[in-house]
């Protein structure tokens, strides 16, 4: 008698009890890019405290969004990205349920903050949220806020930097001087 591999039992168990899946879907090849994509090597000329707003615009172009109330600009772009499709289906006693969704992070930006002398004060590459406007996200980045660690959500790492949120909270609230922008 042949033995049945353990994976068969795992698959059968998943089908009987429920199903969870995540599948990457590659982007269409003919989807256009909107905006000018800024790459890290293109911004190496920017030195905080030295590079002026005029030099930034000369180097990166004039396709940016600025806020009238704050000395900040954002170069944003939307390009094809891998879409992640997920689903979950659970079967229980006399009930069945499920759900699913799609996640795609294709909207990005390069934020630049200027000081009172029109010199670069801070820069950051950002993966933008589809549920908020570019202006809202740019203003949130440019305006420091003091808030508790858990108010940022239950995520452990900042998706934009990969740094644990607690270190960023400590840096933003003056608790940890070893972490710098």
Protein backbone atom coordinates (compact mmCIF):
# COMPACT_ATOMS: atom_id res chain seq x y z
CA UNK A 1 0.00 0.00 0.00
CA UNK A 2 1.30 3.45 -0.93
CA UNK A 3 1.45 6.23 1.65
CA UNK A 4 -0.34 9.49 0.96
CA UNK A 5 1.87 12.58 1.24
CA UNK A 6 1.12 14.92 4.14
CA UNK A 7 0.39 17.79 1.74
CA UNK A 8 -2.69 15.94 0.46
CA UNK A 9 -4.08 15.84 4.00
CA UNK A 10 -3.30 19.53 4.50
CA UNK A 11 -5.05 20.50 1.28
CA UNK A 12 -8.03 18.31 2.07
CA UNK A 13 -8.25 19.82 5.56
CA UNK A 14 -8.14 23.35 4.13
CA UNK A 15 -10.92 22.56 1.70
CA UNK A 16 -13.12 20.99 4.36
CA UNK A 17 -12.57 23.63 7.04
CA UNK A 18 -12.17 26.67 4.84
CA UNK A 19 -9.80 28.23 2.38
CA UNK A 20 -7.31 31.07 2.56
CA UNK A 21 -5.34 32.27 -0.40
CA UNK A 22 -3.09 35.03 -1.66
CA UNK A 23 -2.15 35.32 -5.31
CA UNK A 24 0.08 37.90 -7.02
CA UNK A 25 -1.33 39.27 -10.27
CA UNK A 26 1.25 40.91 -12.56
CA UNK A 27 0.43 44.34 -13.97
CA UNK A 28 -0.71 44.69 -17.59
CA UNK A 29 2.18 45.47 -19.90
CA UNK A 30 0.37 48.26 -21.75
CA UNK A 31 -0.67 50.23 -18.63
CA UNK A 32 0.83 53.74 -18.81
CA UNK A 33 2.81 55.52 -16.11
CA UNK A 34 1.34 58.80 -14.84
CA UNK A 35 3.75 61.43 -13.56
CA UNK A 36 7.53 61.43 -13.57
CA UNK A 37 9.06 58.51 -11.69
CA UNK A 38 11.79 59.75 -9.35
CA UNK A 39 14.54 57.25 -8.57
CA UNK A 40 16.95 57.42 -5.61
CA UNK A 41 19.95 57.97 -7.88
CA UNK A 42 18.21 61.05 -9.37
CA UNK A 43 18.05 62.82 -6.00
CA UNK A 44 21.63 62.27 -4.85
CA UNK A 45 22.37 65.91 -5.64
CA UNK A 46 19.96 67.00 -2.87
CA UNK A 47 21.82 67.79 0.36
CA UNK A 48 19.64 68.95 3.27
CA UNK A 49 20.68 72.39 4.48
CA UNK A 50 22.51 73.18 1.22
CA UNK A 51 20.36 72.48 -1.84
CA UNK A 52 17.90 75.27 -2.68
CA UNK A 53 14.34 75.01 -4.00
CA UNK A 54 15.51 76.47 -7.33
CA UNK A 55 18.17 73.75 -7.66
CA UNK A 56 15.62 71.03 -6.85
CA UNK A 57 13.22 72.26 -9.53
CA UNK A 58 16.07 72.60 -12.03
CA UNK A 59 17.15 69.00 -11.30
CA UNK A 60 13.75 67.28 -11.04
CA UNK A 61 11.48 69.46 -13.18
CA UNK A 62 8.36 71.49 -12.54
CA UNK A 63 5.79 68.65 -12.42
CA UNK A 64 5.22 68.81 -8.68
CA UNK A 65 2.46 69.62 -6.23
CA UNK A 66 3.08 72.26 -3.58
CA UNK A 67 0.97 73.38 -0.66
CA UNK A 68 0.30 77.11 -0.33
CA UNK A 69 0.39 77.00 3.49
CA UNK A 70 3.57 74.94 3.91
CA UNK A 71 7.04 75.04 2.29
CA UNK A 72 6.78 71.52 0.80
CA UNK A 73 6.50 69.90 -2.62
CA UNK A 74 5.62 66.42 -3.81
CA UNK A 75 6.62 64.74 -7.03
CA UNK A 76 4.08 61.94 -7.44
CA UNK A 77 3.64 59.12 -9.93
CA UNK A 78 1.41 56.14 -10.50
CA UNK A 79 2.89 53.16 -12.28
CA UNK A 80 1.82 49.57 -12.85
CA UNK A 81 2.49 47.36 -9.85
CA UNK A 82 1.87 43.80 -8.76
CA UNK A 83 -1.66 43.44 -7.44
CA UNK A 84 -2.20 41.02 -4.56
CA UNK A 85 -5.57 39.28 -4.50
CA UNK A 86 -6.60 37.58 -1.26
CA UNK A 87 -9.57 35.61 -0.05
CA UNK A 88 -10.76 33.62 2.91
CA UNK A 89 -13.61 31.17 3.04
CA UNK A 90 -14.66 29.43 6.24
CA UNK A 91 -17.20 26.67 6.69
CA UNK A 92 -18.54 26.04 10.18
CA UNK A 93 -21.51 24.42 11.84
CA UNK A 94 -24.48 25.41 9.68
CA UNK A 95 -22.71 28.57 8.52
CA UNK A 96 -20.35 29.61 5.82
CA UNK A 97 -18.66 32.92 5.27
CA UNK A 98 -15.86 34.52 3.48
CA UNK A 99 -14.38 37.60 1.99
CA UNK A 100 -11.62 38.86 -0.13
CA UNK A 101 -9.98 41.87 -1.53
CA UNK A 102 -7.24 43.32 -3.62
CA UNK A 103 -4.14 45.30 -2.63
CA UNK A 104 -2.09 47.29 -5.07
CA UNK A 105 0.49 49.88 -4.14
CA UNK A 106 1.20 51.76 -7.32
CA UNK A 107 0.97 55.41 -6.19
CA UNK A 108 4.26 56.85 -4.94
CA UNK A 109 5.79 60.25 -4.25
CA UNK A 110 8.98 62.00 -3.34
CA UNK A 111 8.34 64.61 -0.63
CA UNK A 112 10.62 67.60 -0.05
CA UNK A 113 10.38 70.06 2.83
CA UNK A 114 12.13 73.43 2.74
CA UNK A 115 13.32 75.64 5.60
CA UNK A 116 12.78 79.40 6.00
CA UNK A 117 15.77 80.10 3.69
CA UNK A 118 14.27 77.95 0.89
CA UNK A 119 16.85 75.20 1.42
CA UNK A 120 15.96 71.52 1.66
CA UNK A 121 15.18 70.55 5.25
CA UNK A 122 13.98 66.95 4.73
CA UNK A 123 13.19 64.47 1.96
CA UNK A 124 11.35 61.16 1.82
CA UNK A 125 10.16 58.56 -0.67
CA UNK A 126 6.58 57.59 0.18
CA UNK A 127 4.12 54.88 -0.82
CA UNK A 128 0.85 56.79 -0.90
CA UNK A 129 -2.50 55.62 0.38
CA UNK A 130 -5.27 55.34 -2.20
CA UNK A 131 -7.84 56.43 0.40
CA UNK A 132 -6.36 59.89 1.09
CA UNK A 133 -5.42 62.81 -1.14
CA UNK A 134 -1.86 63.73 -2.00
CA UNK A 135 -2.32 67.08 -0.22
CA UNK A 136 -3.46 65.37 3.01
CA UNK A 137 -0.51 62.98 3.00
CA UNK A 138 2.00 65.71 2.16
CA UNK A 139 0.64 67.95 4.94
CA UNK A 140 0.70 65.07 7.45
CA UNK A 141 4.34 64.39 6.60
CA UNK A 142 5.35 68.06 6.77
CA UNK A 143 3.53 68.88 10.00
CA UNK A 144 4.99 67.09 13.03
CA UNK A 145 2.38 65.73 15.37
CA UNK A 146 2.82 64.41 18.86
CA UNK A 147 0.74 61.35 19.41
CA UNK A 148 0.87 58.07 21.23
CA UNK A 149 2.57 55.03 19.81
CA UNK A 150 -0.60 52.95 19.46
CA UNK A 151 -2.56 55.69 17.70
CA UNK A 152 -0.71 54.86 14.47
CA UNK A 153 -2.38 51.47 14.27
CA UNK A 154 -1.37 47.98 15.20
CA UNK A 155 1.34 47.64 12.55
CA UNK A 156 4.84 47.13 13.89
CA UNK A 157 6.88 48.50 10.97
CA UNK A 158 6.47 51.67 8.93
CA UNK A 159 5.79 50.41 5.37
CA UNK A 160 7.64 53.38 3.86
CA UNK A 161 10.92 53.01 5.76
CA UNK A 162 10.88 49.52 7.27
CA UNK A 163 11.74 51.07 10.66
CA UNK A 164 9.71 49.90 13.66
CA UNK A 165 7.01 52.46 14.49
CA UNK A 166 8.20 52.69 18.09
CA UNK A 167 11.59 54.04 16.97
CA UNK A 168 9.91 56.64 14.77
CA UNK A 169 7.57 57.60 17.62
CA UNK A 170 10.54 57.93 19.97
CA UNK A 171 12.44 60.05 17.43
CA UNK A 172 9.42 62.30 16.71
CA UNK A 173 8.76 62.85 20.40
CA UNK A 174 12.39 63.53 21.33
CA UNK A 175 12.78 60.31 23.27
CA UNK A 176 15.50 58.70 21.19
CA UNK A 177 18.27 60.84 19.74
CA UNK A 178 20.16 57.97 18.00
CA UNK A 179 17.58 57.76 15.19
CA UNK A 180 17.74 60.64 12.73
CA UNK A 181 15.96 61.65 9.55
